[in-house]
Amino acid sequence: MPLCHEPEAKVPREGNRDGYRVVRSADLLGNAKVLTIMHRDEAYRLQVTATGKLILTK
């Protein structure tokens, strides 16, 4: 089951729009429910909740 719950129509088709990137959560997470993002030597945790929402914590 894909982790991305957004309907296709709401997601821009291009990978770069007005200077920012568009990345699907499923492309970042794969089959995982938790991802660690390193930003300026700080670890951030991106996780999918049981209801399919995303939470980003430091």
Protein backbone atom coordinates (compact mmCIF):
# COMPACT_ATOMS: atom_id res chain seq x y z
CA MET A 1 0.00 0.00 0.00
CA PRO A 2 1.54 3.37 -0.96
CA LEU A 3 2.25 5.83 1.83
CA CYS A 4 1.36 8.86 -0.30
CA HIS A 5 -2.34 9.57 0.26
CA GLU A 6 -2.55 12.69 -1.91
CA PRO A 7 -4.77 12.39 -4.98
CA GLU A 8 -2.81 12.67 -8.25
CA ALA A 9 -4.60 15.90 -9.25
CA LYS A 10 -3.22 17.83 -6.24
CA VAL A 11 0.45 16.95 -6.85
CA PRO A 12 2.31 19.11 -9.39
CA ARG A 13 3.77 17.09 -12.26
CA GLU A 14 7.10 18.94 -12.44
CA GLY A 15 9.92 18.18 -10.01
CA ASN A 16 10.84 21.87 -9.58
CA ARG A 17 8.33 24.71 -9.24
CA ASP A 18 9.28 28.35 -8.67
CA GLY A 19 12.62 27.55 -7.04
CA TYR A 20 11.54 24.67 -4.80
CA ARG A 21 11.48 20.93 -5.33
CA VAL A 22 8.38 18.74 -5.23
CA VAL A 23 9.05 15.26 -3.83
CA ARG A 24 6.44 12.63 -3.01
CA SER A 25 6.57 11.33 0.54
CA ALA A 26 6.53 7.78 -0.83
CA ASP A 27 9.71 8.55 -2.79
CA LEU A 28 11.42 9.72 0.41
CA LEU A 29 10.13 7.00 2.73
CA GLY A 30 9.84 3.99 0.44
CA ASN A 31 8.28 1.24 2.58
CA ALA A 32 9.53 2.78 5.84
CA LYS A 33 7.33 4.68 8.27
CA VAL A 34 10.22 6.76 9.68
CA LEU A 35 13.01 8.72 7.98
CA THR A 36 15.88 10.69 9.51
CA ILE A 37 16.81 13.91 7.70
CA MET A 38 20.16 15.51 8.49
CA HIS A 39 20.10 19.32 8.23
CA ARG A 40 23.06 21.42 9.37
CA ASP A 41 24.36 18.58 11.55
CA GLU A 42 20.96 18.24 13.25
CA ALA A 43 18.79 15.12 12.95
CA TYR A 44 15.10 15.53 12.14
CA ARG A 45 12.63 12.65 12.16
CA LEU A 46 9.89 12.43 9.52
CA GLN A 47 7.25 9.83 10.32
CA VAL A 48 3.92 8.66 8.98
CA THR A 49 1.15 8.38 11.57
CA ALA A 50 -1.42 5.59 11.73
CA THR A 51 -3.87 7.91 9.94
CA GLY A 52 -1.40 8.66 7.12
CA LYS A 53 -0.35 12.16 8.20
CA LEU A 54 3.27 13.33 8.37
CA ILE A 55 5.04 14.56 11.49
CA LEU A 56 8.47 16.25 11.40
CA THR A 57 10.26 16.50 14.76
CA LYS A 58 13.73 17.56 15.85
